[in-house]
Amino acid sequence: QQQQPCDPGSRPRSFLPCETDTGLQLYQELVVPAGKECCLFLPQIPSSMLADGGTVKVDDVNGRPVFYATFFPQGDNTGKRLVLRSAVDDFAFGYFQDAAKGGVLLDGLTLYHYSGVPFGTLQPDKKGGFMMCAINGRTISIQDDGQSQVRAIHVGDNRLLAIMEFSLNNTVQRIMRIGPAGDAGLIGLMMFGTDLLLYRLENLERATRNAGRDGR
């Protein structure tokens, strides 16, 4: 049996009750129970790790490791870019690969279940945020609200699934709060996935600027 992602804590301050299955669950045992919320601490990922690979841990409110997130460089022979594993038994809950069609890389990441079955695609949207489009037709919008918060919202009913905000205590970390029926593993993977995509977009913009200067 897998470890619960965290101590669910007290009744949520910002999340509405959820009586129905959202259809956006990567692994059932990581789903936050009704009337609870889960709080996890995500570290900031340095650019060197996004480029060359490495592993970080995700802690609960008591400082205990819950997940390990391993990043892989583009073109790694595993074909993977990011894997989320249990800190207890090293079980892999899911992973991202670069999205591709006909051998051509696209601007997103494809998320897979632990079994290797595709779950959906994470990609930039036209609002400057990101969208997780699941195979079953459900969609999660990930948007920065401009006030040091990133919100994950289920597009179908506009329900808030998770909030991520920054903490400046001791070291810069990101506090991720997941509401009822939210999958802590799925939300964590998506937030780390946006780190990879933002890094890719910044590199593309830099290359475009450099090419423009060289062409003058």
C-alpha atoms as a PDB file:
ATOM      1  CA  GLN A   1       0.000   0.000   0.000  1.00  0.00           C
ATOM      2  CA  GLN A   2       1.279   3.463  -0.941  1.00  0.00           C
ATOM      3  CA  GLN A   3       1.898   6.243   1.564  1.00  0.00           C
ATOM      4  CA  GLN A   4      -0.698   9.014   1.709  1.00  0.00           C
ATOM      5  CA  PRO A   5       0.763  12.128   0.023  1.00  0.00           C
ATOM      6  CA  CYS A   6       0.548  14.192   3.204  1.00  0.00           C
ATOM      7  CA  ASP A   7      -1.393  14.859   6.343  1.00  0.00           C
ATOM      8  CA  PRO A   8      -4.591  16.246   4.801  1.00  0.00           C
ATOM      9  CA  GLY A   9      -4.843  18.824   7.589  1.00  0.00           C
ATOM     10  CA  SER A  10      -7.864  20.910   8.450  1.00  0.00           C
ATOM     11  CA  ARG A  11     -10.843  21.909   6.366  1.00  0.00           C
ATOM     12  CA  PRO A  12      -9.778  23.899   3.284  1.00  0.00           C
ATOM     13  CA  ARG A  13      -9.844  27.700   3.452  1.00  0.00           C
ATOM     14  CA  SER A  14     -10.256  28.306  -0.304  1.00  0.00           C
ATOM     15  CA  PHE A  15     -11.610  25.113  -1.851  1.00  0.00           C
ATOM     16  CA  LEU A  16     -15.235  24.238  -2.476  1.00  0.00           C
ATOM     17  CA  PRO A  17     -16.596  20.826  -1.465  1.00  0.00           C
ATOM     18  CA  CYS A  18     -16.411  18.242  -4.227  1.00  0.00           C
ATOM     19  CA  GLU A  19     -18.896  15.403  -4.214  1.00  0.00           C
ATOM     20  CA  THR A  20     -18.073  14.019  -7.655  1.00  0.00           C
ATOM     21  CA  ASP A  21     -15.058  12.481  -9.354  1.00  0.00           C
ATOM     22  CA  THR A  22     -13.280  15.073 -11.477  1.00  0.00           C
ATOM     23  CA  GLY A  23     -12.030  12.417 -13.920  1.00  0.00           C
ATOM     24  CA  LEU A  24      -8.555  13.896 -13.463  1.00  0.00           C
ATOM     25  CA  GLN A  25      -6.822  11.325 -11.306  1.00  0.00           C
ATOM     26  CA  LEU A  26      -3.449   9.827 -12.095  1.00  0.00           C
ATOM     27  CA  TYR A  27      -3.280   7.549  -9.037  1.00  0.00           C
ATOM     28  CA  GLN A  28      -6.235   6.941  -6.722  1.00  0.00           C
ATOM     29  CA  GLU A  29      -4.285   6.769  -3.454  1.00  0.00           C
ATOM     30  CA  LEU A  30      -2.911  10.284  -4.018  1.00  0.00           C
ATOM     31  CA  VAL A  31      -6.382  11.854  -4.168  1.00  0.00           C
ATOM     32  CA  VAL A  32      -7.178  14.277  -1.321  1.00  0.00           C
ATOM     33  CA  PRO A  33     -10.228  13.148   0.724  1.00  0.00           C
ATOM     34  CA  ALA A  34     -13.444  15.163   0.863  1.00  0.00           C
ATOM     35  CA  GLY A  35     -13.337  18.062   3.320  1.00  0.00           C
ATOM     36  CA  LYS A  36      -9.525  18.098   3.467  1.00  0.00           C
ATOM     37  CA  GLU A  37      -6.620  19.773   1.770  1.00  0.00           C
ATOM     38  CA  CYS A  38      -3.043  18.639   1.201  1.00  0.00           C
ATOM     39  CA  CYS A  39      -0.050  20.952   1.616  1.00  0.00           C
ATOM     40  CA  LEU A  40       3.316  20.161   0.014  1.00  0.00           C
ATOM     41  CA  PHE A  41       6.552  22.102  -0.438  1.00  0.00           C
ATOM     42  CA  LEU A  42       8.049  22.202  -3.926  1.00  0.00           C
ATOM     43  CA  PRO A  43      11.613  23.466  -4.325  1.00  0.00           C
ATOM     44  CA  GLN A  44      12.626  25.932  -6.986  1.00  0.00           C
ATOM     45  CA  ILE A  45      14.303  24.079  -9.870  1.00  0.00           C
ATOM     46  CA  PRO A  46      17.634  25.565 -11.027  1.00  0.00           C
ATOM     47  CA  SER A  47      18.160  26.042 -14.760  1.00  0.00           C
ATOM     48  CA  SER A  48      21.132  23.672 -14.652  1.00  0.00           C
ATOM     49  CA  MET A  49      18.868  20.825 -13.516  1.00  0.00           C
ATOM     50  CA  LEU A  50      16.247  21.572 -16.160  1.00  0.00           C
ATOM     51  CA  ALA A  51      19.005  21.407 -18.776  1.00  0.00           C
ATOM     52  CA  ASP A  52      21.179  18.557 -17.482  1.00  0.00           C
ATOM     53  CA  GLY A  53      18.896  16.545 -15.195  1.00  0.00           C
ATOM     54  CA  GLY A  54      18.817  15.821 -11.475  1.00  0.00           C
ATOM     55  CA  THR A  55      16.513  14.929  -8.580  1.00  0.00           C
ATOM     56  CA  VAL A  56      14.669  17.020  -5.971  1.00  0.00           C
ATOM     57  CA  LYS A  57      12.419  16.015  -3.086  1.00  0.00           C
ATOM     58  CA  VAL A  58       8.915  17.218  -2.255  1.00  0.00           C
ATOM     59  CA  ASP A  59       8.198  17.488   1.481  1.00  0.00           C
ATOM     60  CA  ASP A  60       5.022  17.531   3.550  1.00  0.00           C
ATOM     61  CA  VAL A  61       4.253  20.122   6.242  1.00  0.00           C
ATOM     62  CA  ASN A  62       6.385  18.186   8.745  1.00  0.00           C
ATOM     63  CA  GLY A  63       9.444  18.185   6.498  1.00  0.00           C
ATOM     64  CA  ARG A  64       9.107  14.507   5.559  1.00  0.00           C
ATOM     65  CA  PRO A  65       9.857  13.588   1.938  1.00  0.00           C
ATOM     66  CA  VAL A  66       6.739  12.491   0.056  1.00  0.00           C
ATOM     67  CA  PHE A  67       7.890  12.468  -3.575  1.00  0.00           C
ATOM     68  CA  TYR A  68      11.127  12.514  -5.529  1.00  0.00           C
ATOM     69  CA  ALA A  69      11.017  14.319  -8.879  1.00  0.00           C
ATOM     70  CA  THR A  70      13.753  13.366 -11.344  1.00  0.00           C
ATOM     71  CA  PHE A  71      14.446  15.551 -14.376  1.00  0.00           C
ATOM     72  CA  PHE A  72      16.144  14.206 -17.514  1.00  0.00           C
ATOM     73  CA  PRO A  73      17.952  16.183 -20.225  1.00  0.00           C
ATOM     74  CA  GLN A  74      16.292  16.484 -23.623  1.00  0.00           C
ATOM     75  CA  GLY A  75      17.258  13.518 -25.799  1.00  0.00           C
ATOM     76  CA  ASP A  76      17.908  11.209 -22.839  1.00  0.00           C
ATOM     77  CA  ASN A  77      17.922   7.563 -23.929  1.00  0.00           C
ATOM     78  CA  THR A  78      14.987   6.810 -21.587  1.00  0.00           C
ATOM     79  CA  GLY A  79      12.861   9.196 -23.631  1.00  0.00           C
ATOM     80  CA  LYS A  80      11.614  10.772 -20.395  1.00  0.00           C
ATOM     81  CA  ARG A  81      11.857  14.367 -19.185  1.00  0.00           C
ATOM     82  CA  LEU A  82      10.394  14.043 -15.674  1.00  0.00           C
ATOM     83  CA  VAL A  83       9.407  11.168 -13.353  1.00  0.00           C
ATOM     84  CA  LEU A  84       7.559  11.466 -10.025  1.00  0.00           C
ATOM     85  CA  ARG A  85       8.317   8.674  -7.524  1.00  0.00           C
ATOM     86  CA  SER A  86       7.246   7.761  -4.018  1.00  0.00           C
ATOM     87  CA  ALA A  87       9.783   8.685  -1.335  1.00  0.00           C
ATOM     88  CA  VAL A  88       8.731   5.514   0.524  1.00  0.00           C
ATOM     89  CA  ASP A  89       9.109   2.696  -1.982  1.00  0.00           C
ATOM     90  CA  ASP A  90      10.372   4.409  -5.194  1.00  0.00           C
ATOM     91  CA  PHE A  91       7.120   3.603  -7.032  1.00  0.00           C
ATOM     92  CA  ALA A  92       6.787   5.779 -10.169  1.00  0.00           C
ATOM     93  CA  PHE A  93       3.338   7.414 -10.224  1.00  0.00           C
ATOM     94  CA  GLY A  94       3.740   8.997 -13.650  1.00  0.00           C
ATOM     95  CA  TYR A  95       6.140  10.647 -16.058  1.00  0.00           C
ATOM     96  CA  PHE A  96       6.447  13.216 -18.845  1.00  0.00           C
ATOM     97  CA  GLN A  97       7.950  12.801 -22.289  1.00  0.00           C
ATOM     98  CA  ASP A  98       8.416  15.463 -24.956  1.00  0.00           C
ATOM     99  CA  ALA A  99       5.244  15.612 -27.045  1.00  0.00           C
ATOM    100  CA  ALA A 100       5.861  14.643 -30.651  1.00  0.00           C
ATOM    101  CA  LYS A 101       3.870  13.961 -33.817  1.00  0.00           C
ATOM    102  CA  GLY A 102       5.323  12.158 -36.785  1.00  0.00           C
ATOM    103  CA  GLY A 103       8.776  12.355 -35.238  1.00  0.00           C
ATOM    104  CA  VAL A 104       8.554  16.151 -34.887  1.00  0.00           C
ATOM    105  CA  LEU A 105       8.761  17.681 -31.405  1.00  0.00           C
ATOM    106  CA  LEU A 106       5.732  19.754 -30.378  1.00  0.00           C
ATOM    107  CA  ASP A 107       5.574  22.588 -27.839  1.00  0.00           C
ATOM    108  CA  GLY A 108       4.198  20.432 -25.026  1.00  0.00           C
ATOM    109  CA  LEU A 109       4.831  17.427 -22.786  1.00  0.00           C
ATOM    110  CA  THR A 110       2.880  14.166 -22.845  1.00  0.00           C
ATOM    111  CA  LEU A 111       1.974  12.776 -19.408  1.00  0.00           C
ATOM    112  CA  TYR A 112       1.836   9.007 -18.896  1.00  0.00           C
ATOM    113  CA  HIS A 113       0.347   6.822 -16.171  1.00  0.00           C
ATOM    114  CA  TYR A 114       2.727   4.576 -14.224  1.00  0.00           C
ATOM    115  CA  SER A 115       1.511   1.800 -16.549  1.00  0.00           C
ATOM    116  CA  GLY A 116       2.743   3.648 -19.645  1.00  0.00           C
ATOM    117  CA  VAL A 117      -0.749   4.621 -20.836  1.00  0.00           C
ATOM    118  CA  PRO A 118      -0.995   8.262 -21.996  1.00  0.00           C
ATOM    119  CA  PHE A 119      -2.929  10.554 -19.631  1.00  0.00           C
ATOM    120  CA  GLY A 120      -2.842  13.846 -21.525  1.00  0.00           C
ATOM    121  CA  THR A 121      -0.723  16.726 -22.822  1.00  0.00           C
ATOM    122  CA  LEU A 122       0.589  19.774 -20.967  1.00  0.00           C
ATOM    123  CA  GLN A 123       1.156  22.760 -23.244  1.00  0.00           C
ATOM    124  CA  PRO A 124       1.279  26.577 -23.265  1.00  0.00           C
ATOM    125  CA  ASP A 125      -2.006  28.398 -23.823  1.00  0.00           C
ATOM    126  CA  LYS A 126      -2.795  31.759 -25.427  1.00  0.00           C
ATOM    127  CA  LYS A 127      -3.164  33.514 -22.040  1.00  0.00           C
ATOM    128  CA  GLY A 128       0.467  33.063 -21.018  1.00  0.00           C
ATOM    129  CA  GLY A 129      -0.369  30.078 -18.822  1.00  0.00           C
ATOM    130  CA  PHE A 130      -0.673  26.349 -19.454  1.00  0.00           C
ATOM    131  CA  MET A 131      -3.325  23.736 -20.171  1.00  0.00           C
ATOM    132  CA  MET A 132      -3.384  20.056 -19.245  1.00  0.00           C
ATOM    133  CA  CYS A 133      -5.650  18.416 -21.809  1.00  0.00           C
ATOM    134  CA  ALA A 134      -6.479  14.898 -20.654  1.00  0.00           C
ATOM    135  CA  ILE A 135      -7.222  12.028 -23.024  1.00  0.00           C
ATOM    136  CA  ASN A 136     -10.728  11.754 -21.513  1.00  0.00           C
ATOM    137  CA  GLY A 137     -11.553  15.307 -22.636  1.00  0.00           C
ATOM    138  CA  ARG A 138     -11.145  17.006 -19.238  1.00  0.00           C
ATOM    139  CA  THR A 139      -8.944  20.107 -19.020  1.00  0.00           C
ATOM    140  CA  ILE A 140      -7.013  21.878 -16.279  1.00  0.00           C
ATOM    141  CA  SER A 141      -5.969  25.514 -16.702  1.00  0.00           C
ATOM    142  CA  ILE A 142      -2.802  26.658 -14.881  1.00  0.00           C
ATOM    143  CA  GLN A 143      -2.590  30.445 -14.540  1.00  0.00           C
ATOM    144  CA  ASP A 144      -0.442  32.925 -12.626  1.00  0.00           C
ATOM    145  CA  ASP A 145      -2.807  35.425 -11.010  1.00  0.00           C
ATOM    146  CA  GLY A 146      -0.148  38.161 -10.892  1.00  0.00           C
ATOM    147  CA  GLN A 147      -0.161  38.149  -7.073  1.00  0.00           C
ATOM    148  CA  SER A 148       2.495  35.475  -6.415  1.00  0.00           C
ATOM    149  CA  GLN A 149      -0.043  32.683  -6.790  1.00  0.00           C
ATOM    150  CA  VAL A 150      -0.465  30.028  -9.461  1.00  0.00           C
ATOM    151  CA  ARG A 151      -3.917  28.432  -9.670  1.00  0.00           C
ATOM    152  CA  ALA A 152      -4.931  25.115 -11.203  1.00  0.00           C
ATOM    153  CA  ILE A 153      -8.590  25.203 -12.250  1.00  0.00           C
ATOM    154  CA  HIS A 154     -10.817  22.468 -13.673  1.00  0.00           C
ATOM    155  CA  VAL A 155     -12.160  24.095 -16.828  1.00  0.00           C
ATOM    156  CA  GLY A 156     -15.388  22.064 -16.909  1.00  0.00           C
ATOM    157  CA  ASP A 157     -16.903  23.642 -13.782  1.00  0.00           C
ATOM    158  CA  ASN A 158     -14.336  26.380 -13.023  1.00  0.00           C
ATOM    159  CA  ARG A 159     -13.499  24.627  -9.758  1.00  0.00           C
ATOM    160  CA  LEU A 160     -10.231  25.437  -8.009  1.00  0.00           C
ATOM    161  CA  LEU A 161      -8.074  22.306  -7.714  1.00  0.00           C
ATOM    162  CA  ALA A 162      -4.846  23.708  -6.283  1.00  0.00           C
ATOM    163  CA  ILE A 163      -2.993  26.889  -5.375  1.00  0.00           C
ATOM    164  CA  MET A 164       0.773  27.345  -5.421  1.00  0.00           C
ATOM    165  CA  GLU A 165       2.423  30.324  -3.734  1.00  0.00           C
ATOM    166  CA  PHE A 166       5.949  31.322  -2.803  1.00  0.00           C
ATOM    167  CA  SER A 167       7.505  31.161   0.655  1.00  0.00           C
ATOM    168  CA  LEU A 168      10.538  33.304   1.470  1.00  0.00           C
ATOM    169  CA  ASN A 169      11.297  31.685   4.835  1.00  0.00           C
ATOM    170  CA  ASN A 170      14.924  30.485   4.972  1.00  0.00           C
ATOM    171  CA  THR A 171      14.978  29.181   1.403  1.00  0.00           C
ATOM    172  CA  VAL A 172      12.707  30.056  -1.489  1.00  0.00           C
ATOM    173  CA  GLN A 173      10.140  27.282  -1.805  1.00  0.00           C
ATOM    174  CA  ARG A 174       6.744  26.920  -3.356  1.00  0.00           C
ATOM    175  CA  ILE A 175       3.819  25.977  -1.141  1.00  0.00           C
ATOM    176  CA  MET A 176       1.322  23.822  -3.020  1.00  0.00           C
ATOM    177  CA  ARG A 177      -2.156  23.349  -1.560  1.00  0.00           C
ATOM    178  CA  ILE A 178      -4.402  20.742  -3.180  1.00  0.00           C
ATOM    179  CA  GLY A 179      -8.134  20.712  -2.484  1.00  0.00           C
ATOM    180  CA  PRO A 180     -10.680  17.891  -2.135  1.00  0.00           C
ATOM    181  CA  ALA A 181     -10.660  15.262  -4.922  1.00  0.00           C
ATOM    182  CA  GLY A 182      -7.424  16.723  -6.307  1.00  0.00           C
ATOM    183  CA  ASP A 183      -4.628  14.282  -7.131  1.00  0.00           C
ATOM    184  CA  ALA A 184      -1.453  15.430  -5.346  1.00  0.00           C
ATOM    185  CA  GLY A 185       0.766  13.491  -7.746  1.00  0.00           C
ATOM    186  CA  LEU A 186      -0.924  14.875 -10.858  1.00  0.00           C
ATOM    187  CA  ILE A 187      -0.792  18.467  -9.599  1.00  0.00           C
ATOM    188  CA  GLY A 188       2.858  18.108  -8.586  1.00  0.00           C
ATOM    189  CA  LEU A 189       3.808  16.684 -11.976  1.00  0.00           C
ATOM    190  CA  MET A 190       1.979  19.489 -13.762  1.00  0.00           C
ATOM    191  CA  MET A 191       3.713  22.217 -11.728  1.00  0.00           C
ATOM    192  CA  PHE A 192       7.137  20.707 -12.388  1.00  0.00           C
ATOM    193  CA  GLY A 193       6.142  20.245 -16.029  1.00  0.00           C
ATOM    194  CA  THR A 194       5.455  23.979 -16.335  1.00  0.00           C
ATOM    195  CA  ASP A 195       9.015  24.566 -15.065  1.00  0.00           C
ATOM    196  CA  LEU A 196      10.326  22.532 -18.010  1.00  0.00           C
ATOM    197  CA  LEU A 197       8.097  24.328 -20.513  1.00  0.00           C
ATOM    198  CA  LEU A 198       8.971  27.791 -19.175  1.00  0.00           C
ATOM    199  CA  TYR A 199      12.657  26.935 -19.460  1.00  0.00           C
ATOM    200  CA  ARG A 200      12.113  25.791 -23.045  1.00  0.00           C
ATOM    201  CA  LEU A 201      10.178  28.956 -23.934  1.00  0.00           C
ATOM    202  CA  GLU A 202      12.865  31.194 -22.407  1.00  0.00           C
ATOM    203  CA  ASN A 203      15.563  29.419 -24.431  1.00  0.00           C
ATOM    204  CA  LEU A 204      13.505  29.785 -27.609  1.00  0.00           C
ATOM    205  CA  GLU A 205      12.969  33.511 -26.984  1.00  0.00           C
ATOM    206  CA  ARG A 206      16.686  33.982 -26.298  1.00  0.00           C
ATOM    207  CA  ALA A 207      17.631  32.143 -29.490  1.00  0.00           C
ATOM    208  CA  THR A 208      15.142  34.251 -31.479  1.00  0.00           C
ATOM    209  CA  ARG A 209      16.581  37.502 -30.078  1.00  0.00           C
ATOM    210  CA  ASN A 210      20.125  36.368 -30.839  1.00  0.00           C
ATOM    211  CA  ALA A 211      19.176  35.409 -34.369  1.00  0.00           C
ATOM    212  CA  GLY A 212      17.576  38.824 -34.840  1.00  0.00           C
ATOM    213  CA  ARG A 213      20.731  40.597 -33.696  1.00  0.00           C
ATOM    214  CA  ASP A 214      22.928  38.417 -35.909  1.00  0.00           C
ATOM    215  CA  GLY A 215      20.718  39.181 -38.885  1.00  0.00           C
ATOM    216  CA  ARG A 216      21.025  42.941 -38.573  1.00  0.00           C
END
